[in-house]
């Protein structure tokens, strides 16, 4: 039951890992200043939205259905930090960027805000 409702979020998380693991020279430089920060926020906003929805719909792990939004925020922020640390130590041609971590967290919060606006937040905080 868990994967039935969370496959989108987990697939999105893997996609983020793959994209963030690609060497930096694989991407064309943008003419828009700090466009990568907006992309980080978008990626993590979608991730937090999908995980929140999946955690609430699944019934295998009841603990995930209480204070879901807080748990998803912590998970996505830690995931963003982990990816940045991997960029600095494992991935070739990548480096740790503290602003990427900040915008990952901003995106996570934004995704939860959108979820709350769409579905309401009563009981999910």
C-alpha atoms as a PDB file:
ATOM      1  CA  UNK A   1       0.000   0.000   0.000  1.00  0.00           C
ATOM      2  CA  UNK A   2       2.807   2.416   0.769  1.00  0.00           C
ATOM      3  CA  UNK A   3       4.325   2.322  -2.727  1.00  0.00           C
ATOM      4  CA  UNK A   4       0.926   2.474  -4.411  1.00  0.00           C
ATOM      5  CA  UNK A   5       0.428   5.994  -3.079  1.00  0.00           C
ATOM      6  CA  UNK A   6       4.050   7.127  -2.878  1.00  0.00           C
ATOM      7  CA  UNK A   7       5.562   5.976  -6.156  1.00  0.00           C
ATOM      8  CA  UNK A   8       5.212   9.470  -7.666  1.00  0.00           C
ATOM      9  CA  UNK A   9       7.001  11.133  -4.763  1.00  0.00           C
ATOM     10  CA  UNK A  10       9.723   8.503  -4.627  1.00  0.00           C
ATOM     11  CA  UNK A  11      10.219   8.646  -8.397  1.00  0.00           C
ATOM     12  CA  UNK A  12      10.445  12.438  -8.177  1.00  0.00           C
ATOM     13  CA  UNK A  13      13.061  12.108  -5.411  1.00  0.00           C
ATOM     14  CA  UNK A  14      15.159   9.781  -7.581  1.00  0.00           C
ATOM     15  CA  UNK A  15      14.843  12.206 -10.500  1.00  0.00           C
ATOM     16  CA  UNK A  16      16.119  15.041  -8.271  1.00  0.00           C
ATOM     17  CA  UNK A  17      19.067  12.880  -7.222  1.00  0.00           C
ATOM     18  CA  UNK A  18      19.938  12.068 -10.835  1.00  0.00           C
ATOM     19  CA  UNK A  19      19.633  15.678 -12.009  1.00  0.00           C
ATOM     20  CA  UNK A  20      21.682  16.999  -9.100  1.00  0.00           C
ATOM     21  CA  UNK A  21      24.288  14.297  -9.677  1.00  0.00           C
ATOM     22  CA  UNK A  22      24.951  15.208 -13.294  1.00  0.00           C
ATOM     23  CA  UNK A  23      28.190  17.104 -13.901  1.00  0.00           C
ATOM     24  CA  UNK A  24      27.665  20.852 -13.945  1.00  0.00           C
ATOM     25  CA  UNK A  25      28.938  21.200 -17.497  1.00  0.00           C
ATOM     26  CA  UNK A  26      25.940  19.155 -18.713  1.00  0.00           C
ATOM     27  CA  UNK A  27      23.719  22.208 -18.332  1.00  0.00           C
ATOM     28  CA  UNK A  28      23.787  25.328 -20.458  1.00  0.00           C
ATOM     29  CA  UNK A  29      24.319  28.469 -18.446  1.00  0.00           C
ATOM     30  CA  UNK A  30      21.153  30.486 -18.142  1.00  0.00           C
ATOM     31  CA  UNK A  31      20.890  34.116 -19.118  1.00  0.00           C
ATOM     32  CA  UNK A  32      18.564  34.577 -16.160  1.00  0.00           C
ATOM     33  CA  UNK A  33      20.564  35.209 -13.012  1.00  0.00           C
ATOM     34  CA  UNK A  34      19.993  32.609 -10.264  1.00  0.00           C
ATOM     35  CA  UNK A  35      17.625  30.509 -12.394  1.00  0.00           C
ATOM     36  CA  UNK A  36      19.078  27.388 -10.769  1.00  0.00           C
ATOM     37  CA  UNK A  37      17.755  28.534  -7.393  1.00  0.00           C
ATOM     38  CA  UNK A  38      14.228  28.765  -8.762  1.00  0.00           C
ATOM     39  CA  UNK A  39      14.648  25.296 -10.243  1.00  0.00           C
ATOM     40  CA  UNK A  40      15.734  23.930  -6.838  1.00  0.00           C
ATOM     41  CA  UNK A  41      12.679  25.509  -5.216  1.00  0.00           C
ATOM     42  CA  UNK A  42      10.385  24.061  -7.871  1.00  0.00           C
ATOM     43  CA  UNK A  43      11.873  20.558  -7.618  1.00  0.00           C
ATOM     44  CA  UNK A  44      11.553  20.439  -3.839  1.00  0.00           C
ATOM     45  CA  UNK A  45       8.136  22.092  -3.860  1.00  0.00           C
ATOM     46  CA  UNK A  46       6.780  19.333  -6.065  1.00  0.00           C
ATOM     47  CA  UNK A  47       8.540  16.717  -3.929  1.00  0.00           C
ATOM     48  CA  UNK A  48       6.984  17.945  -0.679  1.00  0.00           C
ATOM     49  CA  UNK A  49       3.530  18.151  -2.284  1.00  0.00           C
ATOM     50  CA  UNK A  50       3.741  14.610  -3.683  1.00  0.00           C
ATOM     51  CA  UNK A  51       5.100  13.111  -0.454  1.00  0.00           C
ATOM     52  CA  UNK A  52       2.442  14.805   1.658  1.00  0.00           C
ATOM     53  CA  UNK A  53      -0.302  13.502  -0.585  1.00  0.00           C
ATOM     54  CA  UNK A  54       1.190  10.004  -0.636  1.00  0.00           C
ATOM     55  CA  UNK A  55       1.767   9.841   3.115  1.00  0.00           C
ATOM     56  CA  UNK A  56      -1.820  10.848   3.801  1.00  0.00           C
ATOM     57  CA  UNK A  57      -3.356   8.378   1.346  1.00  0.00           C
ATOM     58  CA  UNK A  58      -1.341   5.331   2.393  1.00  0.00           C
ATOM     59  CA  UNK A  59      -2.440   3.177   5.301  1.00  0.00           C
ATOM     60  CA  UNK A  60       0.560   0.887   5.814  1.00  0.00           C
ATOM     61  CA  UNK A  61       2.391   3.231   8.193  1.00  0.00           C
ATOM     62  CA  UNK A  62      -0.137   5.037  10.347  1.00  0.00           C
ATOM     63  CA  UNK A  63       2.592   7.138  11.957  1.00  0.00           C
ATOM     64  CA  UNK A  64       3.065   8.971   8.638  1.00  0.00           C
ATOM     65  CA  UNK A  65      -0.531  10.155   8.726  1.00  0.00           C
ATOM     66  CA  UNK A  66      -0.060  12.276  11.859  1.00  0.00           C
ATOM     67  CA  UNK A  67       1.745  15.612  11.707  1.00  0.00           C
ATOM     68  CA  UNK A  68       2.404  14.730   8.093  1.00  0.00           C
ATOM     69  CA  UNK A  69       3.386  18.178   6.896  1.00  0.00           C
ATOM     70  CA  UNK A  70       6.015  18.581   9.605  1.00  0.00           C
ATOM     71  CA  UNK A  71       7.473  15.178   8.832  1.00  0.00           C
ATOM     72  CA  UNK A  72       7.553  15.864   5.097  1.00  0.00           C
ATOM     73  CA  UNK A  73       9.244  19.223   5.665  1.00  0.00           C
ATOM     74  CA  UNK A  74      11.972  17.622   7.795  1.00  0.00           C
ATOM     75  CA  UNK A  75      12.441  14.763   5.317  1.00  0.00           C
ATOM     76  CA  UNK A  76      12.675  17.013   2.260  1.00  0.00           C
ATOM     77  CA  UNK A  77      15.017  19.518   3.917  1.00  0.00           C
ATOM     78  CA  UNK A  78      17.321  16.722   5.080  1.00  0.00           C
ATOM     79  CA  UNK A  79      17.163  15.196   1.592  1.00  0.00           C
ATOM     80  CA  UNK A  80      18.179  18.547   0.103  1.00  0.00           C
ATOM     81  CA  UNK A  81      21.112  18.847   2.503  1.00  0.00           C
ATOM     82  CA  UNK A  82      22.169  15.268   1.745  1.00  0.00           C
ATOM     83  CA  UNK A  83      22.149  15.944  -1.986  1.00  0.00           C
ATOM     84  CA  UNK A  84      24.275  19.050  -1.542  1.00  0.00           C
ATOM     85  CA  UNK A  85      26.770  17.131   0.582  1.00  0.00           C
ATOM     86  CA  UNK A  86      26.902  14.414  -2.090  1.00  0.00           C
ATOM     87  CA  UNK A  87      27.577  17.094  -4.688  1.00  0.00           C
ATOM     88  CA  UNK A  88      30.591  18.172  -2.703  1.00  0.00           C
ATOM     89  CA  UNK A  89      31.990  14.725  -2.044  1.00  0.00           C
ATOM     90  CA  UNK A  90      30.731  12.130  -4.538  1.00  0.00           C
ATOM     91  CA  UNK A  91      29.408  13.716  -7.714  1.00  0.00           C
ATOM     92  CA  UNK A  92      31.957  14.818 -10.302  1.00  0.00           C
ATOM     93  CA  UNK A  93      32.048  18.463 -11.326  1.00  0.00           C
ATOM     94  CA  UNK A  94      29.624  19.574  -8.597  1.00  0.00           C
ATOM     95  CA  UNK A  95      30.079  21.580  -5.434  1.00  0.00           C
ATOM     96  CA  UNK A  96      28.219  22.343  -2.224  1.00  0.00           C
ATOM     97  CA  UNK A  97      26.119  25.490  -2.521  1.00  0.00           C
ATOM     98  CA  UNK A  98      24.542  26.801   0.657  1.00  0.00           C
ATOM     99  CA  UNK A  99      21.986  28.850  -1.313  1.00  0.00           C
ATOM    100  CA  UNK A 100      20.818  25.651  -3.003  1.00  0.00           C
ATOM    101  CA  UNK A 101      20.069  24.244   0.457  1.00  0.00           C
ATOM    102  CA  UNK A 102      18.150  27.381   1.366  1.00  0.00           C
ATOM    103  CA  UNK A 103      16.073  27.252  -1.811  1.00  0.00           C
ATOM    104  CA  UNK A 104      15.465  23.528  -1.375  1.00  0.00           C
ATOM    105  CA  UNK A 105      13.930  24.371   2.011  1.00  0.00           C
ATOM    106  CA  UNK A 106      11.981  27.311   0.567  1.00  0.00           C
ATOM    107  CA  UNK A 107      10.631  25.021  -2.139  1.00  0.00           C
ATOM    108  CA  UNK A 108       9.666  22.399   0.431  1.00  0.00           C
ATOM    109  CA  UNK A 109       7.779  24.986   2.452  1.00  0.00           C
ATOM    110  CA  UNK A 110       6.118  26.347  -0.683  1.00  0.00           C
ATOM    111  CA  UNK A 111       4.973  22.869  -1.715  1.00  0.00           C
ATOM    112  CA  UNK A 112       3.406  22.378   1.702  1.00  0.00           C
ATOM    113  CA  UNK A 113       1.761  25.785   1.482  1.00  0.00           C
ATOM    114  CA  UNK A 114       0.248  24.892  -1.880  1.00  0.00           C
ATOM    115  CA  UNK A 115      -0.906  21.539  -0.486  1.00  0.00           C
ATOM    116  CA  UNK A 116      -2.515  23.351   2.436  1.00  0.00           C
ATOM    117  CA  UNK A 117      -4.234  25.806   0.099  1.00  0.00           C
ATOM    118  CA  UNK A 118      -5.608  22.988  -2.057  1.00  0.00           C
ATOM    119  CA  UNK A 119      -6.560  20.424   0.597  1.00  0.00           C
ATOM    120  CA  UNK A 120      -6.495  22.353   3.873  1.00  0.00           C
ATOM    121  CA  UNK A 121      -4.113  21.753   6.751  1.00  0.00           C
ATOM    122  CA  UNK A 122      -6.422  20.768   9.599  1.00  0.00           C
ATOM    123  CA  UNK A 123      -4.869  17.832  11.412  1.00  0.00           C
ATOM    124  CA  UNK A 124      -1.881  17.499   9.080  1.00  0.00           C
ATOM    125  CA  UNK A 125       0.523  19.838  10.833  1.00  0.00           C
END
